[in-house]
């Protein structure tokens, strides 16, 4: 079905104004700087860890402890380094994030990258992003979109806030919603996503 593009653009204008005044433009600039073909091993490790940790937790909570988690995992220098010291990485990270299952999943991601080889895995991800990312531990059908977007893939993630906006404005899915706004504004779909998400999530999804 055709969504209400005019209403979507109105919401996007409010969202951009909020992001600008609330000090979140750095997030927009960061997303704009992502280029899918250029992600590194460090990028993949870091963004996979971020997505894993955010599952079921508020983004603000993860942001507060992510620097310590990063230090615990050698600042995502390499999968080999993490695998070689997996027990130590896990133990140190537990000091700020006491969820052993998620920390183990990060180690398992590093192990998969190390076993396959980063360049081989990167080639597979570029060829089939969502399918290949879903094969990483603790990355599922929804979170694969989140991880792909953070690596620079031009897509929107099916976050509950964006899904609610789709339902309200009559769009079939978040790709159609963000794609329509992107076509009208010239912003990338992934950038439209982060602007709308930050606005909608600011208070748990306020009325637009």
N, C-alpha and C. Protein backbone atom coordinates (compact mmCIF):
# COMPACT_ATOMS: atom_id res chain seq x y z
N UNK A 1 0.84 -1.20 0.00
CA UNK A 1 0.00 0.00 0.00
C UNK A 1 0.88 1.24 0.00
N UNK A 2 0.30 2.34 -0.47
CA UNK A 2 1.04 3.60 -0.54
C UNK A 2 0.90 4.33 0.79
N UNK A 3 2.02 4.67 1.37
CA UNK A 3 2.01 5.39 2.63
C UNK A 3 1.83 6.88 2.41
N UNK A 4 1.62 7.59 3.51
CA UNK A 4 1.43 9.03 3.47
C UNK A 4 2.80 9.71 3.48
N UNK A 5 3.31 9.98 2.29
CA UNK A 5 4.66 10.53 2.16
C UNK A 5 4.72 11.94 2.76
N UNK A 6 3.68 12.72 2.57
CA UNK A 6 3.67 14.09 3.10
C UNK A 6 3.79 14.08 4.63
N UNK A 7 3.05 13.18 5.26
CA UNK A 7 3.13 13.08 6.72
C UNK A 7 4.50 12.57 7.16
N UNK A 8 5.06 11.65 6.38
CA UNK A 8 6.39 11.12 6.70
C UNK A 8 7.43 12.23 6.62
N UNK A 9 7.32 13.08 5.61
CA UNK A 9 8.26 14.19 5.47
C UNK A 9 8.10 15.20 6.60
N UNK A 10 6.87 15.39 7.03
CA UNK A 10 6.62 16.29 8.17
C UNK A 10 7.26 15.75 9.44
N UNK A 11 7.13 14.46 9.65
CA UNK A 11 7.76 13.84 10.81
C UNK A 11 9.27 13.90 10.72
N UNK A 12 9.78 13.70 9.51
CA UNK A 12 11.23 13.76 9.31
C UNK A 12 11.75 15.17 9.61
N UNK A 13 11.02 16.19 9.22
CA UNK A 13 11.44 17.57 9.49
C UNK A 13 11.51 17.81 11.00
N UNK A 14 10.51 17.32 11.73
CA UNK A 14 10.53 17.44 13.19
C UNK A 14 11.71 16.67 13.78
N UNK A 15 11.93 15.49 13.23
CA UNK A 15 13.01 14.64 13.72
C UNK A 15 14.37 15.31 13.50
N UNK A 16 14.58 15.89 12.33
CA UNK A 16 15.85 16.52 12.04
C UNK A 16 16.07 17.71 12.97
N UNK A 17 15.03 18.49 13.20
CA UNK A 17 15.14 19.64 14.11
C UNK A 17 15.48 19.18 15.52
N UNK A 18 14.88 18.07 15.95
CA UNK A 18 15.17 17.54 17.28
C UNK A 18 16.62 17.07 17.37
N UNK A 19 17.06 16.31 16.39
CA UNK A 19 18.42 15.77 16.39
C UNK A 19 19.44 16.91 16.41
N UNK A 20 19.14 17.97 15.66
CA UNK A 20 20.04 19.11 15.58
C UNK A 20 20.13 19.84 16.92
N UNK A 21 19.00 20.12 17.54
CA UNK A 21 18.99 20.89 18.78
C UNK A 21 19.41 20.06 19.99
N UNK A 22 19.19 18.74 19.94
CA UNK A 22 19.51 17.88 21.08
C UNK A 22 20.96 17.39 21.06
N UNK A 23 21.71 17.77 20.04
CA UNK A 23 23.12 17.43 20.02
C UNK A 23 23.46 16.06 19.47
N UNK A 24 22.61 15.53 18.57
CA UNK A 24 22.85 14.20 18.01
C UNK A 24 23.35 14.22 16.56
N UNK A 25 23.77 15.39 16.09
CA UNK A 25 24.21 15.46 14.70
C UNK A 25 25.47 14.61 14.45
N UNK A 26 26.27 14.40 15.50
CA UNK A 26 27.47 13.57 15.33
C UNK A 26 27.09 12.15 14.91
N UNK A 27 25.95 11.64 15.41
CA UNK A 27 25.48 10.32 15.02
C UNK A 27 25.12 10.29 13.54
N UNK A 28 24.49 11.37 13.09
CA UNK A 28 24.10 11.47 11.67
C UNK A 28 25.35 11.52 10.80
N UNK A 29 26.32 12.30 11.23
CA UNK A 29 27.57 12.42 10.46
C UNK A 29 28.31 11.08 10.43
N UNK A 30 28.29 10.37 11.57
CA UNK A 30 28.94 9.06 11.62
C UNK A 30 28.28 8.10 10.64
N UNK A 31 26.95 8.05 10.64
CA UNK A 31 26.25 7.14 9.72
C UNK A 31 26.51 7.53 8.28
N UNK A 32 26.55 8.83 8.01
CA UNK A 32 26.81 9.31 6.65
C UNK A 32 28.20 8.92 6.17
N UNK A 33 29.13 8.76 7.11
CA UNK A 33 30.52 8.45 6.74
C UNK A 33 30.77 6.97 6.48
N UNK A 34 29.77 6.14 6.79
CA UNK A 34 29.95 4.69 6.59
C UNK A 34 29.84 4.34 5.11
N UNK A 35 30.79 3.56 4.62
CA UNK A 35 30.76 3.08 3.23
C UNK A 35 30.86 1.56 3.27
N UNK A 36 29.84 0.89 2.79
CA UNK A 36 29.70 -0.55 3.00
C UNK A 36 30.87 -1.36 2.48
N UNK A 37 31.44 -0.96 1.39
CA UNK A 37 32.53 -1.74 0.80
C UNK A 37 33.85 -1.54 1.54
N UNK A 38 33.88 -0.62 2.50
CA UNK A 38 35.14 -0.24 3.14
C UNK A 38 35.25 -0.68 4.60
N UNK A 39 34.29 -1.44 5.12
CA UNK A 39 34.39 -1.79 6.54
C UNK A 39 35.57 -2.71 6.79
N UNK A 40 36.19 -2.53 7.95
CA UNK A 40 37.38 -3.28 8.33
C UNK A 40 37.02 -4.41 9.31
N UNK A 41 38.00 -5.22 9.63
CA UNK A 41 37.78 -6.27 10.63
C UNK A 41 37.40 -5.65 11.97
N UNK A 42 38.06 -4.57 12.33
CA UNK A 42 37.75 -3.86 13.56
C UNK A 42 36.32 -3.34 13.55
N UNK A 43 35.89 -2.79 12.41
CA UNK A 43 34.51 -2.31 12.27
C UNK A 43 33.51 -3.44 12.50
N UNK A 44 33.77 -4.59 11.89
CA UNK A 44 32.85 -5.71 12.00
C UNK A 44 32.77 -6.21 13.44
N UNK A 45 33.91 -6.34 14.10
CA UNK A 45 33.91 -6.77 15.49
C UNK A 45 33.18 -5.78 16.38
N UNK A 46 33.49 -4.51 16.23
CA UNK A 46 32.89 -3.48 17.08
C UNK A 46 31.39 -3.38 16.86
N UNK A 47 30.96 -3.31 15.61
CA UNK A 47 29.53 -3.12 15.34
C UNK A 47 28.72 -4.38 15.67
N UNK A 48 29.30 -5.55 15.48
CA UNK A 48 28.62 -6.78 15.89
C UNK A 48 28.44 -6.80 17.40
N UNK A 49 29.49 -6.42 18.12
CA UNK A 49 29.40 -6.36 19.58
C UNK A 49 28.33 -5.36 20.02
N UNK A 50 28.31 -4.21 19.39
CA UNK A 50 27.32 -3.17 19.72
C UNK A 50 25.90 -3.70 19.54
N UNK A 51 25.64 -4.32 18.41
CA UNK A 51 24.30 -4.84 18.13
C UNK A 51 23.93 -5.96 19.11
N UNK A 52 24.87 -6.84 19.40
CA UNK A 52 24.62 -7.92 20.36
C UNK A 52 24.27 -7.35 21.73
N UNK A 53 25.03 -6.39 22.19
CA UNK A 53 24.80 -5.82 23.52
C UNK A 53 23.49 -5.04 23.59
N UNK A 54 23.12 -4.40 22.49
CA UNK A 54 21.90 -3.58 22.49
C UNK A 54 20.62 -4.42 22.49
N UNK A 55 20.70 -5.68 22.11
CA UNK A 55 19.51 -6.51 22.08
C UNK A 55 18.90 -6.68 23.46
N UNK A 56 17.73 -6.10 23.68
CA UNK A 56 17.06 -6.20 24.97
C UNK A 56 17.50 -5.18 25.99
N UNK A 57 18.44 -4.31 25.63
CA UNK A 57 18.93 -3.27 26.53
C UNK A 57 18.75 -1.90 25.87
N UNK A 58 18.55 -0.89 26.69
CA UNK A 58 18.44 0.47 26.15
C UNK A 58 19.79 0.91 25.61
N UNK A 59 19.73 1.60 24.49
CA UNK A 59 20.96 2.07 23.83
C UNK A 59 21.79 2.93 24.78
N UNK A 60 21.15 3.75 25.60
CA UNK A 60 21.89 4.62 26.52
C UNK A 60 22.68 3.82 27.54
N UNK A 61 22.15 2.68 27.96
CA UNK A 61 22.84 1.82 28.93
C UNK A 61 24.10 1.24 28.29
N UNK A 62 23.96 0.73 27.07
CA UNK A 62 25.10 0.14 26.37
C UNK A 62 26.15 1.21 26.09
N UNK A 63 25.72 2.39 25.73
CA UNK A 63 26.67 3.46 25.42
C UNK A 63 27.56 3.78 26.62
N UNK A 64 26.97 3.73 27.82
CA UNK A 64 27.72 4.07 29.02
C UNK A 64 28.85 3.08 29.31
N UNK A 65 28.66 1.84 28.95
CA UNK A 65 29.67 0.82 29.30
C UNK A 65 30.49 0.36 28.09
N UNK A 66 30.20 0.88 26.91
CA UNK A 66 30.83 0.33 25.71
C UNK A 66 32.33 0.61 25.64
N UNK A 67 32.78 1.73 26.17
CA UNK A 67 34.22 1.99 26.16
C UNK A 67 34.97 0.93 26.95
N UNK A 68 34.42 0.55 28.10
CA UNK A 68 35.07 -0.48 28.91
C UNK A 68 35.03 -1.84 28.21
N UNK A 69 33.89 -2.15 27.59
CA UNK A 69 33.78 -3.40 26.84
C UNK A 69 34.82 -3.42 25.72
N UNK A 70 34.96 -2.31 25.03
CA UNK A 70 35.93 -2.22 23.93
C UNK A 70 37.35 -2.46 24.43
N UNK A 71 37.70 -1.84 25.56
CA UNK A 71 39.03 -2.06 26.13
C UNK A 71 39.22 -3.53 26.51
N UNK A 72 38.15 -4.15 27.01
CA UNK A 72 38.22 -5.56 27.42
C UNK A 72 38.52 -6.48 26.23
N UNK A 73 38.09 -6.04 25.04
CA UNK A 73 38.29 -6.84 23.82
C UNK A 73 39.35 -6.20 22.91
N UNK A 74 40.40 -5.65 23.53
CA UNK A 74 41.55 -5.10 22.78
C UNK A 74 41.14 -4.03 21.79
N UNK A 75 40.10 -3.26 22.13
CA UNK A 75 39.62 -2.20 21.22
C UNK A 75 39.34 -2.73 19.82
N UNK A 76 38.91 -4.00 19.74
CA UNK A 76 38.49 -4.64 18.49
C UNK A 76 39.63 -4.67 17.47
N UNK A 77 40.86 -4.79 17.96
CA UNK A 77 42.03 -4.78 17.07
C UNK A 77 42.00 -5.93 16.07
N UNK A 78 41.69 -7.14 16.55
CA UNK A 78 41.63 -8.27 15.64
C UNK A 78 40.88 -9.43 16.29
N UNK A 79 40.29 -10.26 15.46
CA UNK A 79 39.60 -11.44 15.96
C UNK A 79 40.60 -12.42 16.58
N UNK A 80 41.77 -12.54 15.99
CA UNK A 80 42.78 -13.47 16.50
C UNK A 80 43.19 -13.12 17.92
N UNK A 81 43.36 -11.83 18.20
CA UNK A 81 43.75 -11.39 19.54
C UNK A 81 42.66 -11.73 20.56
N UNK A 82 41.42 -11.55 20.17
CA UNK A 82 40.30 -11.85 21.07
C UNK A 82 40.21 -13.35 21.33
N UNK A 83 40.32 -14.15 20.29
CA UNK A 83 40.24 -15.60 20.43
C UNK A 83 41.37 -16.12 21.31
N UNK A 84 42.56 -15.57 21.13
CA UNK A 84 43.72 -16.03 21.90
C UNK A 84 43.60 -15.74 23.39
N UNK A 85 42.84 -14.70 23.73
CA UNK A 85 42.68 -14.32 25.14
C UNK A 85 41.21 -14.25 25.53
N UNK A 86 40.42 -15.16 25.00
CA UNK A 86 38.97 -15.10 25.17
C UNK A 86 38.54 -15.07 26.63
N UNK A 87 39.13 -15.93 27.46
CA UNK A 87 38.74 -16.00 28.87
C UNK A 87 39.03 -14.69 29.59
N UNK A 88 40.17 -14.10 29.30
CA UNK A 88 40.53 -12.83 29.93
C UNK A 88 39.60 -11.71 29.46
N UNK A 89 39.34 -11.65 28.16
CA UNK A 89 38.43 -10.64 27.61
C UNK A 89 37.06 -10.73 28.30
N UNK A 90 36.54 -11.92 28.39
CA UNK A 90 35.23 -12.16 29.00
C UNK A 90 35.23 -11.74 30.46
N UNK A 91 36.26 -12.13 31.19
CA UNK A 91 36.35 -11.84 32.62
C UNK A 91 36.41 -10.33 32.89
N UNK A 92 37.24 -9.64 32.13
CA UNK A 92 37.38 -8.19 32.32
C UNK A 92 36.08 -7.48 31.95
N UNK A 93 35.45 -7.89 30.85
CA UNK A 93 34.20 -7.26 30.41
C UNK A 93 33.08 -7.44 31.43
N UNK A 94 33.10 -8.56 32.17
CA UNK A 94 32.08 -8.81 33.18
C UNK A 94 32.09 -7.75 34.28
N UNK A 95 33.18 -7.02 34.38
CA UNK A 95 33.26 -5.96 35.39
C UNK A 95 32.26 -4.85 35.17
N UNK A 96 31.84 -4.65 33.92
CA UNK A 96 30.88 -3.58 33.64
C UNK A 96 29.58 -4.08 33.03
N UNK A 97 29.58 -5.35 32.58
CA UNK A 97 28.38 -5.89 31.91
C UNK A 97 28.24 -7.36 32.28
N UNK A 98 27.38 -7.64 33.22
CA UNK A 98 27.30 -8.99 33.78
C UNK A 98 26.27 -9.84 33.03
N UNK A 99 26.50 -9.98 31.74
CA UNK A 99 25.67 -10.86 30.93
C UNK A 99 26.61 -11.77 30.16
N UNK A 100 26.90 -12.92 30.77
CA UNK A 100 27.89 -13.83 30.21
C UNK A 100 27.51 -14.32 28.82
N UNK A 101 26.21 -14.52 28.59
CA UNK A 101 25.75 -15.06 27.30
C UNK A 101 26.10 -14.10 26.16
N UNK A 102 25.88 -12.82 26.36
CA UNK A 102 26.18 -11.85 25.31
C UNK A 102 27.69 -11.70 25.11
N UNK A 103 28.44 -11.73 26.20
CA UNK A 103 29.89 -11.63 26.07
C UNK A 103 30.46 -12.86 25.37
N UNK A 104 29.90 -14.02 25.67
CA UNK A 104 30.32 -15.22 24.94
C UNK A 104 30.01 -15.12 23.46
N UNK A 105 28.86 -14.48 23.13
CA UNK A 105 28.49 -14.31 21.72
C UNK A 105 29.52 -13.44 20.99
N UNK A 106 30.04 -12.43 21.67
CA UNK A 106 31.07 -11.58 21.06
C UNK A 106 32.32 -12.40 20.76
N UNK A 107 32.71 -13.25 21.71
CA UNK A 107 33.86 -14.13 21.49
C UNK A 107 33.60 -15.06 20.32
N UNK A 108 32.38 -15.58 20.22
CA UNK A 108 32.03 -16.49 19.13
C UNK A 108 32.06 -15.80 17.78
N UNK A 109 31.67 -14.53 17.73
CA UNK A 109 31.78 -13.76 16.49
C UNK A 109 33.25 -13.66 16.08
N UNK A 110 34.10 -13.32 17.05
CA UNK A 110 35.53 -13.23 16.76
C UNK A 110 36.07 -14.57 16.27
N UNK A 111 35.62 -15.64 16.88
CA UNK A 111 36.08 -16.97 16.48
C UNK A 111 35.67 -17.29 15.05
N UNK A 112 34.45 -16.92 14.67
CA UNK A 112 33.99 -17.17 13.30
C UNK A 112 34.81 -16.37 12.29
N UNK A 113 35.06 -15.11 12.61
CA UNK A 113 35.87 -14.28 11.71
C UNK A 113 37.27 -14.87 11.57
N UNK A 114 37.84 -15.30 12.71
CA UNK A 114 39.20 -15.84 12.70
C UNK A 114 39.28 -17.13 11.89
N UNK A 115 38.29 -17.99 12.02
CA UNK A 115 38.32 -19.27 11.32
C UNK A 115 38.10 -19.13 9.81
N UNK A 116 37.16 -18.26 9.43
CA UNK A 116 36.87 -18.08 8.01
C UNK A 116 37.92 -17.21 7.34
N UNK A 117 38.41 -16.23 8.08
CA UNK A 117 39.32 -15.23 7.52
C UNK A 117 38.52 -13.99 7.17
N UNK A 118 39.00 -12.83 7.63
CA UNK A 118 38.20 -11.62 7.45
C UNK A 118 37.91 -11.30 6.00
N UNK A 119 38.92 -11.35 5.14
CA UNK A 119 38.71 -10.95 3.75
C UNK A 119 37.69 -11.85 3.06
N UNK A 120 37.74 -13.15 3.36
CA UNK A 120 36.76 -14.08 2.78
C UNK A 120 35.37 -13.77 3.29
N UNK A 121 35.26 -13.55 4.60
CA UNK A 121 33.96 -13.25 5.19
C UNK A 121 33.42 -11.91 4.69
N UNK A 122 34.28 -10.92 4.57
CA UNK A 122 33.86 -9.62 4.07
C UNK A 122 33.28 -9.74 2.67
N UNK A 123 33.95 -10.51 1.82
CA UNK A 123 33.46 -10.71 0.46
C UNK A 123 32.07 -11.35 0.47
N UNK A 124 31.88 -12.33 1.35
CA UNK A 124 30.56 -12.97 1.46
C UNK A 124 29.50 -11.98 1.93
N UNK A 125 29.86 -11.14 2.90
CA UNK A 125 28.90 -10.17 3.44
C UNK A 125 28.51 -9.16 2.38
N UNK A 126 29.46 -8.68 1.63
CA UNK A 126 29.16 -7.70 0.57
C UNK A 126 28.26 -8.32 -0.49
N UNK A 127 28.49 -9.60 -0.81
CA UNK A 127 27.67 -10.29 -1.81
C UNK A 127 26.24 -10.53 -1.33
N UNK A 128 26.07 -10.85 -0.05
CA UNK A 128 24.74 -11.18 0.49
C UNK A 128 24.69 -10.74 1.95
N UNK A 129 24.54 -9.44 2.19
CA UNK A 129 24.71 -8.89 3.54
C UNK A 129 23.84 -9.54 4.61
N UNK A 130 22.55 -9.54 4.41
CA UNK A 130 21.64 -9.98 5.47
C UNK A 130 21.77 -11.46 5.76
N UNK A 131 21.85 -12.26 4.72
CA UNK A 131 21.98 -13.70 4.92
C UNK A 131 23.29 -14.05 5.62
N UNK A 132 24.37 -13.41 5.22
CA UNK A 132 25.67 -13.75 5.80
C UNK A 132 25.78 -13.24 7.23
N UNK A 133 25.25 -12.06 7.50
CA UNK A 133 25.33 -11.52 8.86
C UNK A 133 24.47 -12.33 9.83
N UNK A 134 23.38 -12.91 9.33
CA UNK A 134 22.54 -13.74 10.20
C UNK A 134 23.25 -14.99 10.66
N UNK A 135 24.33 -15.36 10.00
CA UNK A 135 25.08 -16.55 10.38
C UNK A 135 26.05 -16.27 11.53
N UNK A 136 26.20 -14.99 11.89
CA UNK A 136 27.03 -14.66 13.04
C UNK A 136 26.27 -15.00 14.32
N UNK A 137 26.95 -15.44 15.36
CA UNK A 137 26.29 -15.76 16.62
C UNK A 137 25.50 -14.58 17.18
N UNK A 138 24.29 -14.85 17.63
CA UNK A 138 23.44 -13.87 18.30
C UNK A 138 22.94 -12.76 17.37
N UNK A 139 23.08 -12.95 16.06
CA UNK A 139 22.55 -11.98 15.08
C UNK A 139 21.40 -12.66 14.35
N UNK A 140 20.21 -12.07 14.43
CA UNK A 140 19.03 -12.68 13.86
C UNK A 140 18.45 -11.89 12.70
N UNK A 141 17.23 -12.22 12.27
CA UNK A 141 16.61 -11.57 11.11
C UNK A 141 16.44 -10.06 11.27
N UNK A 142 16.19 -9.60 12.49
CA UNK A 142 16.01 -8.17 12.72
C UNK A 142 17.35 -7.49 12.97
N UNK A 143 18.16 -8.08 13.85
CA UNK A 143 19.43 -7.44 14.18
C UNK A 143 20.42 -7.45 13.01
N UNK A 144 20.21 -8.34 12.04
CA UNK A 144 21.09 -8.33 10.86
C UNK A 144 20.94 -7.01 10.10
N UNK A 145 19.72 -6.46 10.07
CA UNK A 145 19.50 -5.16 9.44
C UNK A 145 20.26 -4.07 10.18
N UNK A 146 20.20 -4.12 11.52
CA UNK A 146 20.89 -3.13 12.35
C UNK A 146 22.39 -3.18 12.09
N UNK A 147 22.95 -4.39 12.09
CA UNK A 147 24.39 -4.54 11.87
C UNK A 147 24.78 -4.11 10.47
N UNK A 148 24.00 -4.51 9.48
CA UNK A 148 24.30 -4.12 8.10
C UNK A 148 24.30 -2.60 7.95
N UNK A 149 23.31 -1.95 8.54
CA UNK A 149 23.22 -0.49 8.47
C UNK A 149 24.44 0.16 9.12
N UNK A 150 24.85 -0.36 10.29
CA UNK A 150 26.00 0.22 10.98
C UNK A 150 27.31 0.00 10.22
N UNK A 151 27.34 -1.01 9.37
CA UNK A 151 28.53 -1.24 8.54
C UNK A 151 28.50 -0.40 7.26
N UNK A 152 27.38 0.28 7.00
CA UNK A 152 27.28 1.16 5.85
C UNK A 152 26.31 0.73 4.78
N UNK A 153 25.65 -0.42 4.96
CA UNK A 153 24.65 -0.89 4.00
C UNK A 153 23.47 0.08 4.03
N UNK A 154 23.04 0.54 2.87
CA UNK A 154 22.01 1.58 2.83
C UNK A 154 20.62 0.97 3.00
N UNK A 155 20.25 0.79 4.24
CA UNK A 155 18.95 0.21 4.57
C UNK A 155 18.51 0.72 5.93
N UNK A 156 17.25 0.48 6.24
CA UNK A 156 16.70 0.84 7.55
C UNK A 156 16.53 -0.43 8.38
N UNK A 157 16.66 -0.29 9.69
CA UNK A 157 16.45 -1.45 10.56
C UNK A 157 14.99 -1.47 11.03
N UNK A 158 14.38 -2.64 11.11
CA UNK A 158 12.97 -2.73 11.53
C UNK A 158 12.80 -2.59 13.04
N UNK A 159 13.17 -1.43 13.53
CA UNK A 159 13.02 -1.11 14.95
C UNK A 159 11.55 -0.89 15.28
N UNK A 160 11.15 -1.19 16.52
CA UNK A 160 9.73 -1.10 16.88
C UNK A 160 9.18 0.32 16.73
N UNK A 161 10.02 1.33 16.98
CA UNK A 161 9.55 2.71 16.83
C UNK A 161 9.24 3.02 15.37
N UNK A 162 10.11 2.59 14.47
CA UNK A 162 9.88 2.82 13.05
C UNK A 162 8.72 1.99 12.52
N UNK A 163 8.57 0.78 13.03
CA UNK A 163 7.44 -0.05 12.63
C UNK A 163 6.12 0.60 13.04
N UNK A 164 6.08 1.16 14.24
CA UNK A 164 4.87 1.85 14.70
C UNK A 164 4.56 3.05 13.81
N UNK A 165 5.61 3.76 13.38
CA UNK A 165 5.40 4.90 12.49
C UNK A 165 4.88 4.43 11.14
N UNK A 166 5.41 3.32 10.63
CA UNK A 166 4.91 2.74 9.38
C UNK A 166 3.41 2.45 9.48
N UNK A 167 3.01 1.82 10.56
CA UNK A 167 1.60 1.47 10.76
C UNK A 167 0.74 2.73 10.81
N UNK A 168 1.24 3.75 11.46
CA UNK A 168 0.48 4.98 11.62
C UNK A 168 0.30 5.72 10.29
N UNK A 169 1.35 5.64 9.44
CA UNK A 169 1.32 6.40 8.18
C UNK A 169 0.98 5.56 6.96
N UNK A 170 0.75 4.27 7.17
CA UNK A 170 0.28 3.43 6.07
C UNK A 170 1.35 2.87 5.15
N UNK A 171 2.59 2.74 5.64
CA UNK A 171 3.66 2.15 4.84
C UNK A 171 3.73 0.65 5.12
N UNK A 172 4.15 -0.12 4.13
CA UNK A 172 4.25 -1.57 4.29
C UNK A 172 5.36 -1.97 5.26
N UNK A 173 6.49 -1.27 5.18
CA UNK A 173 7.62 -1.61 6.05
C UNK A 173 8.56 -0.42 6.16
N UNK A 174 9.58 -0.58 6.98
CA UNK A 174 10.48 0.54 7.24
C UNK A 174 11.34 0.89 6.02
N UNK A 175 11.60 -0.09 5.15
CA UNK A 175 12.35 0.21 3.93
C UNK A 175 11.56 1.16 3.04
N UNK A 176 10.25 0.92 2.93
CA UNK A 176 9.40 1.79 2.11
C UNK A 176 9.30 3.18 2.74
N UNK A 177 9.12 3.23 4.05
CA UNK A 177 9.02 4.51 4.76
C UNK A 177 10.30 5.32 4.57
N UNK A 178 11.42 4.76 4.96
CA UNK A 178 12.68 5.50 4.89
C UNK A 178 13.12 5.74 3.45
N UNK A 179 12.80 4.80 2.56
CA UNK A 179 13.11 4.98 1.16
C UNK A 179 12.35 6.14 0.54
N UNK A 180 11.09 6.31 0.93
CA UNK A 180 10.28 7.42 0.41
C UNK A 180 10.83 8.76 0.88
N UNK A 181 11.21 8.83 2.16
CA UNK A 181 11.79 10.07 2.69
C UNK A 181 13.14 10.33 2.04
N UNK A 182 13.93 9.28 1.85
CA UNK A 182 15.25 9.43 1.22
C UNK A 182 15.12 9.96 -0.20
N UNK A 183 14.16 9.44 -0.94
CA UNK A 183 13.96 9.86 -2.33
C UNK A 183 13.58 11.33 -2.42
N UNK A 184 12.83 11.80 -1.42
CA UNK A 184 12.35 13.18 -1.43
C UNK A 184 13.37 14.17 -0.89
N UNK A 185 14.28 13.70 -0.03
CA UNK A 185 15.20 14.62 0.64
C UNK A 185 16.64 14.53 0.15
N UNK A 186 17.00 13.42 -0.48
CA UNK A 186 18.38 13.24 -0.92
C UNK A 186 19.28 12.59 0.11
N UNK A 187 18.76 12.35 1.31
CA UNK A 187 19.54 11.65 2.32
C UNK A 187 19.54 10.15 2.02
N UNK A 188 20.58 9.46 2.48
CA UNK A 188 20.61 8.01 2.35
C UNK A 188 19.54 7.40 3.25
N UNK A 189 19.07 6.21 2.88
CA UNK A 189 18.05 5.53 3.68
C UNK A 189 18.54 5.30 5.11
N UNK A 190 19.79 4.89 5.26
CA UNK A 190 20.33 4.62 6.60
C UNK A 190 20.40 5.89 7.44
N UNK A 191 20.61 7.03 6.81
CA UNK A 191 20.64 8.31 7.53
C UNK A 191 19.23 8.72 7.95
N UNK A 192 18.26 8.54 7.06
CA UNK A 192 16.87 8.80 7.41
C UNK A 192 16.48 7.95 8.61
N UNK A 193 16.90 6.69 8.59
CA UNK A 193 16.62 5.77 9.69
C UNK A 193 17.10 6.33 11.03
N UNK A 194 18.36 6.73 11.09
CA UNK A 194 18.92 7.14 12.38
C UNK A 194 18.30 8.44 12.88
N UNK A 195 17.93 9.32 11.94
CA UNK A 195 17.29 10.57 12.35
C UNK A 195 15.89 10.30 12.90
N UNK A 196 15.11 9.50 12.20
CA UNK A 196 13.76 9.17 12.68
C UNK A 196 13.83 8.37 13.97
N UNK A 197 14.74 7.40 14.03
CA UNK A 197 14.83 6.56 15.23
C UNK A 197 15.16 7.39 16.46
N UNK A 198 16.15 8.26 16.35
CA UNK A 198 16.56 9.06 17.50
C UNK A 198 15.41 9.94 18.00
N UNK A 199 14.65 10.49 17.09
CA UNK A 199 13.49 11.32 17.44
C UNK A 199 12.39 10.49 18.10
N UNK A 200 12.06 9.37 17.50
CA UNK A 200 10.97 8.53 18.02
C UNK A 200 11.33 7.86 19.33
N UNK A 201 12.61 7.55 19.52
CA UNK A 201 13.04 6.84 20.72
C UNK A 201 13.35 7.76 21.88
N UNK A 202 13.29 9.06 21.67
CA UNK A 202 13.74 9.99 22.70
C UNK A 202 12.97 9.87 24.00
N UNK A 203 11.69 9.46 23.89
CA UNK A 203 10.90 9.28 25.09
C UNK A 203 10.12 7.99 25.02
N UNK A 204 10.68 7.01 24.35
CA UNK A 204 9.99 5.74 24.21
C UNK A 204 8.97 5.75 23.10
N UNK A 205 9.05 6.76 22.21
CA UNK A 205 8.12 6.81 21.08
C UNK A 205 6.98 7.77 21.35
N UNK A 206 7.29 9.06 21.38
CA UNK A 206 6.26 10.05 21.63
C UNK A 206 5.40 10.25 20.39
N UNK A 207 4.24 10.85 20.56
CA UNK A 207 3.36 11.10 19.42
C UNK A 207 4.04 12.02 18.43
N UNK A 208 3.87 11.70 17.15
CA UNK A 208 4.52 12.53 16.11
C UNK A 208 3.50 13.49 15.53
